[in-house]
Amino acid sequence: MKIIANNYKANEIIKFIRENSGLTQEAFGNSIKKSRNAVQYYEYGQRNYDVELLLEIAKVFDLEIIIKSKNEKKE
């Protein structure tokens, strides 16, 4: 799975990861130690999340987060 975060709103990123993992909001929440309601709030943009949560999601789902300059060559 490859996400270019600049192309999405913050709430869409979590939903994209969850849906591509084939998990319900409840199962996804359990895996990151958050409630189903918290996941729902993140996905609807009603609650912001921090970098630490995104790093936890990356760890749990074996994802890699890459931050690079827009001026670098595209892959």
PDB file of N, CA and C in Angstrom:
ATOM      1  N   MET A   1       0.857  -1.170   0.000  1.00  0.00           N
ATOM      2  CA  MET A   1       0.000   0.000   0.000  1.00  0.00           C
ATOM      3  C   MET A   1       0.899   1.226   0.000  1.00  0.00           C
ATOM      4  N   LYS A   2       0.616   2.158  -0.873  1.00  0.00           N
ATOM      5  CA  LYS A   2       1.393   3.393  -0.928  1.00  0.00           C
ATOM      6  C   LYS A   2       0.421   4.569  -0.855  1.00  0.00           C
ATOM      7  N   ILE A   3       0.687   5.456   0.087  1.00  0.00           N
ATOM      8  CA  ILE A   3      -0.140   6.646   0.265  1.00  0.00           C
ATOM      9  C   ILE A   3       0.762   7.859   0.120  1.00  0.00           C
ATOM     10  N   ILE A   4       0.399   8.756  -0.745  1.00  0.00           N
ATOM     11  CA  ILE A   4       1.079  10.044  -0.810  1.00  0.00           C
ATOM     12  C   ILE A   4       0.191  10.989  -0.014  1.00  0.00           C
ATOM     13  N   ALA A   5       0.609  11.222   1.224  1.00  0.00           N
ATOM     14  CA  ALA A   5      -0.233  11.917   2.199  1.00  0.00           C
ATOM     15  C   ALA A   5      -0.675  13.293   1.728  1.00  0.00           C
ATOM     16  N   ASN A   6       0.128  13.948   0.913  1.00  0.00           N
ATOM     17  CA  ASN A   6      -0.232  15.285   0.433  1.00  0.00           C
ATOM     18  C   ASN A   6      -1.523  15.272  -0.386  1.00  0.00           C
ATOM     19  N   ASN A   7      -1.891  14.098  -0.894  1.00  0.00           N
ATOM     20  CA  ASN A   7      -3.084  13.986  -1.728  1.00  0.00           C
ATOM     21  C   ASN A   7      -4.362  13.761  -0.923  1.00  0.00           C
ATOM     22  N   TYR A   8      -4.236  13.663   0.403  1.00  0.00           N
ATOM     23  CA  TYR A   8      -5.382  13.334   1.250  1.00  0.00           C
ATOM     24  C   TYR A   8      -5.496  14.287   2.425  1.00  0.00           C
ATOM     25  N   LYS A   9      -6.706  14.372   2.950  1.00  0.00           N
ATOM     26  CA  LYS A   9      -6.911  15.056   4.220  1.00  0.00           C
ATOM     27  C   LYS A   9      -6.480  14.089   5.314  1.00  0.00           C
ATOM     28  N   ALA A  10      -6.145  14.610   6.474  1.00  0.00           N
ATOM     29  CA  ALA A  10      -5.663  13.768   7.580  1.00  0.00           C
ATOM     30  C   ALA A  10      -6.655  12.655   7.916  1.00  0.00           C
ATOM     31  N   ASN A  11      -7.949  12.971   7.937  1.00  0.00           N
ATOM     32  CA  ASN A  11      -8.932  11.950   8.295  1.00  0.00           C
ATOM     33  C   ASN A  11      -9.025  10.848   7.244  1.00  0.00           C
ATOM     34  N   GLU A  12      -8.744  11.161   6.003  1.00  0.00           N
ATOM     35  CA  GLU A  12      -8.828  10.163   4.936  1.00  0.00           C
ATOM     36  C   GLU A  12      -7.700   9.143   5.024  1.00  0.00           C
ATOM     37  N   ILE A  13      -6.566   9.542   5.578  1.00  0.00           N
ATOM     38  CA  ILE A  13      -5.422   8.638   5.666  1.00  0.00           C
ATOM     39  C   ILE A  13      -5.743   7.456   6.573  1.00  0.00           C
ATOM     40  N   ILE A  14      -6.291   7.720   7.745  1.00  0.00           N
ATOM     41  CA  ILE A  14      -6.627   6.627   8.660  1.00  0.00           C
ATOM     42  C   ILE A  14      -7.688   5.720   8.042  1.00  0.00           C
ATOM     43  N   LYS A  15      -8.681   6.289   7.417  1.00  0.00           N
ATOM     44  CA  LYS A  15      -9.724   5.474   6.788  1.00  0.00           C
ATOM     45  C   LYS A  15      -9.140   4.610   5.674  1.00  0.00           C
ATOM     46  N   PHE A  16      -8.249   5.168   4.896  1.00  0.00           N
ATOM     47  CA  PHE A  16      -7.597   4.447   3.804  1.00  0.00           C
ATOM     48  C   PHE A  16      -6.821   3.241   4.358  1.00  0.00           C
ATOM     49  N   ILE A  17      -6.047   3.472   5.411  1.00  0.00           N
ATOM     50  CA  ILE A  17      -5.266   2.386   6.017  1.00  0.00           C
ATOM     51  C   ILE A  17      -6.202   1.313   6.565  1.00  0.00           C
ATOM     52  N   ARG A  18      -7.237   1.739   7.279  1.00  0.00           N
ATOM     53  CA  ARG A  18      -8.167   0.766   7.870  1.00  0.00           C
ATOM     54  C   ARG A  18      -8.864  -0.060   6.801  1.00  0.00           C
ATOM     55  N   GLU A  19      -9.413   0.609   5.795  1.00  0.00           N
ATOM     56  CA  GLU A  19     -10.154  -0.110   4.757  1.00  0.00           C
ATOM     57  C   GLU A  19      -9.243  -1.055   3.979  1.00  0.00           C
ATOM     58  N   ASN A  20      -8.018  -0.627   3.698  1.00  0.00           N
ATOM     59  CA  ASN A  20      -7.090  -1.483   2.965  1.00  0.00           C
ATOM     60  C   ASN A  20      -6.553  -2.623   3.817  1.00  0.00           C
ATOM     61  N   SER A  21      -6.752  -2.537   5.115  1.00  0.00           N
ATOM     62  CA  SER A  21      -6.393  -3.633   6.017  1.00  0.00           C
ATOM     63  C   SER A  21      -7.571  -4.592   6.199  1.00  0.00           C
ATOM     64  N   GLY A  22      -8.728  -4.216   5.659  1.00  0.00           N
ATOM     65  CA  GLY A  22      -9.907  -5.065   5.729  1.00  0.00           C
ATOM     66  C   GLY A  22     -10.520  -5.159   7.116  1.00  0.00           C
ATOM     67  N   LEU A  23     -10.356  -4.100   7.914  1.00  0.00           N
ATOM     68  CA  LEU A  23     -10.837  -4.123   9.289  1.00  0.00           C
ATOM     69  C   LEU A  23     -12.024  -3.201   9.498  1.00  0.00           C
ATOM     70  N   THR A  24     -12.868  -3.584  10.440  1.00  0.00           N
ATOM     71  CA  THR A  24     -13.936  -2.694  10.876  1.00  0.00           C
ATOM     72  C   THR A  24     -13.311  -1.600  11.745  1.00  0.00           C
ATOM     73  N   GLN A  25     -14.078  -0.580  12.026  1.00  0.00           N
ATOM     74  CA  GLN A  25     -13.583   0.477  12.915  1.00  0.00           C
ATOM     75  C   GLN A  25     -13.258  -0.104  14.289  1.00  0.00           C
ATOM     76  N   GLU A  26     -14.062  -1.029  14.752  1.00  0.00           N
ATOM     77  CA  GLU A  26     -13.829  -1.616  16.067  1.00  0.00           C
ATOM     78  C   GLU A  26     -12.539  -2.442  16.089  1.00  0.00           C
ATOM     79  N   ALA A  27     -12.332  -3.287  15.078  1.00  0.00           N
ATOM     80  CA  ALA A  27     -11.127  -4.118  15.026  1.00  0.00           C
ATOM     81  C   ALA A  27      -9.884  -3.256  14.859  1.00  0.00           C
ATOM     82  N   PHE A  28      -9.983  -2.235  14.031  1.00  0.00           N
ATOM     83  CA  PHE A  28      -8.858  -1.316  13.834  1.00  0.00           C
ATOM     84  C   PHE A  28      -8.544  -0.606  15.149  1.00  0.00           C
ATOM     85  N   GLY A  29      -9.579  -0.123  15.809  1.00  0.00           N
ATOM     86  CA  GLY A  29      -9.397   0.557  17.089  1.00  0.00           C
ATOM     87  C   GLY A  29      -8.743  -0.342  18.126  1.00  0.00           C
ATOM     88  N   ASN A  30      -9.182  -1.586  18.191  1.00  0.00           N
ATOM     89  CA  ASN A  30      -8.586  -2.530  19.139  1.00  0.00           C
ATOM     90  C   ASN A  30      -7.099  -2.719  18.865  1.00  0.00           C
ATOM     91  N   SER A  31      -6.734  -2.759  17.595  1.00  0.00           N
ATOM     92  CA  SER A  31      -5.331  -2.997  17.251  1.00  0.00           C
ATOM     93  C   SER A  31      -4.428  -1.820  17.620  1.00  0.00           C
ATOM     94  N   ILE A  32      -4.999  -0.617  17.697  1.00  0.00           N
ATOM     95  CA  ILE A  32      -4.193   0.565  18.066  1.00  0.00           C
ATOM     96  C   ILE A  32      -4.575   1.106  19.442  1.00  0.00           C
ATOM     97  N   LYS A  33      -5.321   0.302  20.192  1.00  0.00           N
ATOM     98  CA  LYS A  33      -5.714   0.644  21.563  1.00  0.00           C
ATOM     99  C   LYS A  33      -6.564   1.918  21.637  1.00  0.00           C
ATOM    100  N   LYS A  34      -7.481   2.035  20.688  1.00  0.00           N
ATOM    101  CA  LYS A  34      -8.442   3.145  20.656  1.00  0.00           C
ATOM    102  C   LYS A  34      -9.841   2.545  20.508  1.00  0.00           C
ATOM    103  N   SER A  35     -10.833   3.287  20.933  1.00  0.00           N
ATOM    104  CA  SER A  35     -12.213   2.804  20.808  1.00  0.00           C
ATOM    105  C   SER A  35     -12.705   2.953  19.371  1.00  0.00           C
ATOM    106  N   ARG A  36     -13.784   2.233  19.063  1.00  0.00           N
ATOM    107  CA  ARG A  36     -14.411   2.374  17.750  1.00  0.00           C
ATOM    108  C   ARG A  36     -14.846   3.815  17.534  1.00  0.00           C
ATOM    109  N   ASN A  37     -15.368   4.440  18.600  1.00  0.00           N
ATOM    110  CA  ASN A  37     -15.798   5.831  18.486  1.00  0.00           C
ATOM    111  C   ASN A  37     -14.630   6.752  18.144  1.00  0.00           C
ATOM    112  N   ALA A  38     -13.470   6.528  18.747  1.00  0.00           N
ATOM    113  CA  ALA A  38     -12.301   7.358  18.442  1.00  0.00           C
ATOM    114  C   ALA A  38     -11.931   7.222  16.970  1.00  0.00           C
ATOM    115  N   VAL A  39     -11.926   5.990  16.467  1.00  0.00           N
ATOM    116  CA  VAL A  39     -11.610   5.760  15.048  1.00  0.00           C
ATOM    117  C   VAL A  39     -12.631   6.474  14.170  1.00  0.00           C
ATOM    118  N   GLN A  40     -13.886   6.380  14.543  1.00  0.00           N
ATOM    119  CA  GLN A  40     -14.939   7.054  13.777  1.00  0.00           C
ATOM    120  C   GLN A  40     -14.711   8.573  13.771  1.00  0.00           C
ATOM    121  N   TYR A  41     -14.379   9.133  14.908  1.00  0.00           N
ATOM    122  CA  TYR A  41     -14.114  10.575  14.980  1.00  0.00           C
ATOM    123  C   TYR A  41     -12.922  10.970  14.117  1.00  0.00           C
ATOM    124  N   TYR A  42     -11.861  10.146  14.131  1.00  0.00           N
ATOM    125  CA  TYR A  42     -10.697  10.430  13.275  1.00  0.00           C
ATOM    126  C   TYR A  42     -11.112  10.403  11.806  1.00  0.00           C
ATOM    127  N   GLU A  43     -11.872   9.395  11.431  1.00  0.00           N
ATOM    128  CA  GLU A  43     -12.259   9.231  10.022  1.00  0.00           C
ATOM    129  C   GLU A  43     -13.193  10.329   9.531  1.00  0.00           C
ATOM    130  N   TYR A  44     -14.042  10.833  10.400  1.00  0.00           N
ATOM    131  CA  TYR A  44     -14.962  11.903  10.006  1.00  0.00           C
ATOM    132  C   TYR A  44     -14.350  13.284  10.177  1.00  0.00           C
ATOM    133  N   GLY A  45     -13.125  13.332  10.663  1.00  0.00           N
ATOM    134  CA  GLY A  45     -12.462  14.613  10.850  1.00  0.00           C
ATOM    135  C   GLY A  45     -12.978  15.388  12.050  1.00  0.00           C
ATOM    136  N   GLN A  46     -13.653  14.705  12.966  1.00  0.00           N
ATOM    137  CA  GLN A  46     -14.186  15.359  14.160  1.00  0.00           C
ATOM    138  C   GLN A  46     -13.171  15.396  15.294  1.00  0.00           C
ATOM    139  N   ARG A  47     -12.088  14.649  15.130  1.00  0.00           N
ATOM    140  CA  ARG A  47     -11.021  14.643  16.124  1.00  0.00           C
ATOM    141  C   ARG A  47      -9.698  14.526  15.369  1.00  0.00           C
ATOM    142  N   ASN A  48      -8.740  15.341  15.771  1.00  0.00           N
ATOM    143  CA  ASN A  48      -7.421  15.275  15.156  1.00  0.00           C
ATOM    144  C   ASN A  48      -6.564  14.238  15.866  1.00  0.00           C
ATOM    145  N   TYR A  49      -5.631  13.683  15.138  1.00  0.00           N
ATOM    146  CA  TYR A  49      -4.682  12.754  15.742  1.00  0.00           C
ATOM    147  C   TYR A  49      -3.283  13.337  15.591  1.00  0.00           C
ATOM    148  N   ASP A  50      -2.357  12.797  16.359  1.00  0.00           N
ATOM    149  CA  ASP A  50      -0.998  13.322  16.324  1.00  0.00           C
ATOM    150  C   ASP A  50      -0.057  12.348  15.619  1.00  0.00           C
ATOM    151  N   VAL A  51       1.168  12.787  15.446  1.00  0.00           N
ATOM    152  CA  VAL A  51       2.168  11.978  14.760  1.00  0.00           C
ATOM    153  C   VAL A  51       2.413  10.674  15.515  1.00  0.00           C
ATOM    154  N   GLU A  52       2.353  10.722  16.841  1.00  0.00           N
ATOM    155  CA  GLU A  52       2.583   9.511  17.628  1.00  0.00           C
ATOM    156  C   GLU A  52       1.566   8.424  17.275  1.00  0.00           C
ATOM    157  N   LEU A  53       0.313   8.806  17.070  1.00  0.00           N
ATOM    158  CA  LEU A  53      -0.700   7.824  16.695  1.00  0.00           C
ATOM    159  C   LEU A  53      -0.401   7.273  15.307  1.00  0.00           C
ATOM    160  N   LEU A  54      -0.026   8.127  14.386  1.00  0.00           N
ATOM    161  CA  LEU A  54       0.299   7.678  13.039  1.00  0.00           C
ATOM    162  C   LEU A  54       1.491   6.723  13.070  1.00  0.00           C
ATOM    163  N   LEU A  55       2.479   7.010  13.906  1.00  0.00           N
ATOM    164  CA  LEU A  55       3.633   6.115  14.047  1.00  0.00           C
ATOM    165  C   LEU A  55       3.216   4.774  14.654  1.00  0.00           C
ATOM    166  N   GLU A  56       2.291   4.797  15.612  1.00  0.00           N
ATOM    167  CA  GLU A  56       1.785   3.556  16.207  1.00  0.00           C
ATOM    168  C   GLU A  56       1.056   2.722  15.156  1.00  0.00           C
ATOM    169  N   ILE A  57       0.244   3.370  14.337  1.00  0.00           N
ATOM    170  CA  ILE A  57      -0.463   2.670  13.256  1.00  0.00           C
ATOM    171  C   ILE A  57       0.552   2.043  12.303  1.00  0.00           C
ATOM    172  N   ALA A  58       1.588   2.799  11.954  1.00  0.00           N
ATOM    173  CA  ALA A  58       2.625   2.284  11.056  1.00  0.00           C
ATOM    174  C   ALA A  58       3.313   1.063  11.657  1.00  0.00           C
ATOM    175  N   LYS A  59       3.568   1.108  12.949  1.00  0.00           N
ATOM    176  CA  LYS A  59       4.223  -0.011  13.635  1.00  0.00           C
ATOM    177  C   LYS A  59       3.318  -1.245  13.643  1.00  0.00           C
ATOM    178  N   VAL A  60       2.071  -1.059  14.029  1.00  0.00           N
ATOM    179  CA  VAL A  60       1.132  -2.175  14.138  1.00  0.00           C
ATOM    180  C   VAL A  60       0.870  -2.819  12.777  1.00  0.00           C
ATOM    181  N   PHE A  61       0.758  -2.020  11.736  1.00  0.00           N
ATOM    182  CA  PHE A  61       0.404  -2.533  10.416  1.00  0.00           C
ATOM    183  C   PHE A  61       1.605  -2.688   9.494  1.00  0.00           C
ATOM    184  N   ASP A  62       2.810  -2.601  10.065  1.00  0.00           N
ATOM    185  CA  ASP A  62       4.052  -2.785   9.324  1.00  0.00           C
ATOM    186  C   ASP A  62       4.109  -1.865   8.097  1.00  0.00           C
ATOM    187  N   LEU A  63       3.856  -0.587   8.343  1.00  0.00           N
ATOM    188  CA  LEU A  63       3.902   0.419   7.291  1.00  0.00           C
ATOM    189  C   LEU A  63       5.153   1.267   7.466  1.00  0.00           C
ATOM    190  N   GLU A  64       5.592   1.874   6.408  1.00  0.00           N
ATOM    191  CA  GLU A  64       6.753   2.750   6.441  1.00  0.00           C
ATOM    192  C   GLU A  64       6.285   4.167   6.136  1.00  0.00           C
ATOM    193  N   ILE A  65       6.703   5.097   6.958  1.00  0.00           N
ATOM    194  CA  ILE A  65       6.387   6.504   6.730  1.00  0.00           C
ATOM    195  C   ILE A  65       7.648   7.170   6.209  1.00  0.00           C
ATOM    196  N   ILE A  66       7.542   7.787   5.045  1.00  0.00           N
ATOM    197  CA  ILE A  66       8.684   8.458   4.430  1.00  0.00           C
ATOM    198  C   ILE A  66       8.342   9.923   4.271  1.00  0.00           C
ATOM    199  N   ILE A  67       9.224  10.783   4.755  1.00  0.00           N
ATOM    200  CA  ILE A  67       9.053  12.215   4.567  1.00  0.00           C
ATOM    201  C   ILE A  67      10.197  12.691   3.682  1.00  0.00           C
ATOM    202  N   LYS A  68       9.835  13.281   2.564  1.00  0.00           N
ATOM    203  CA  LYS A  68      10.881  13.756   1.670  1.00  0.00           C
ATOM    204  C   LYS A  68      10.460  15.052   1.013  1.00  0.00           C
ATOM    205  N   SER A  69      11.426  15.740   0.503  1.00  0.00           N
ATOM    206  CA  SER A  69      11.194  17.000  -0.173  1.00  0.00           C
ATOM    207  C   SER A  69      10.422  16.757  -1.465  1.00  0.00           C
ATOM    208  N   LYS A  70       9.533  17.666  -1.781  1.00  0.00           N
ATOM    209  CA  LYS A  70       8.788  17.569  -3.039  1.00  0.00           C
ATOM    210  C   LYS A  70       9.727  17.719  -4.237  1.00  0.00           C
ATOM    211  N   ASN A  71      10.891  18.283  -4.011  1.00  0.00           N
ATOM    212  CA  ASN A  71      11.844  18.493  -5.101  1.00  0.00           C
ATOM    213  C   ASN A  71      12.616  17.242  -5.467  1.00  0.00           C
ATOM    214  N   GLU A  72      12.551  16.203  -4.627  1.00  0.00           N
ATOM    215  CA  GLU A  72      13.235  14.950  -4.929  1.00  0.00           C
ATOM    216  C   GLU A  72      12.527  14.251  -6.085  1.00  0.00           C
ATOM    217  N   LYS A  73      13.283  13.435  -6.813  1.00  0.00           N
ATOM    218  CA  LYS A  73      12.691  12.695  -7.929  1.00  0.00           C
ATOM    219  C   LYS A  73      11.585  11.791  -7.422  1.00  0.00           C
ATOM    220  N   LYS A  74      10.521  11.708  -8.190  1.00  0.00           N
ATOM    221  CA  LYS A  74       9.411  10.819  -7.837  1.00  0.00           C
ATOM    222  C   LYS A  74       9.794   9.396  -8.207  1.00  0.00           C
ATOM    223  N   GLU A  75       9.290   8.462  -7.399  1.00  0.00           N
ATOM    224  CA  GLU A  75       9.579   7.046  -7.637  1.00  0.00           C
ATOM    225  C   GLU A  75       8.710   6.504  -8.744  1.00  0.00           C
TER     226      GLU A  75
END
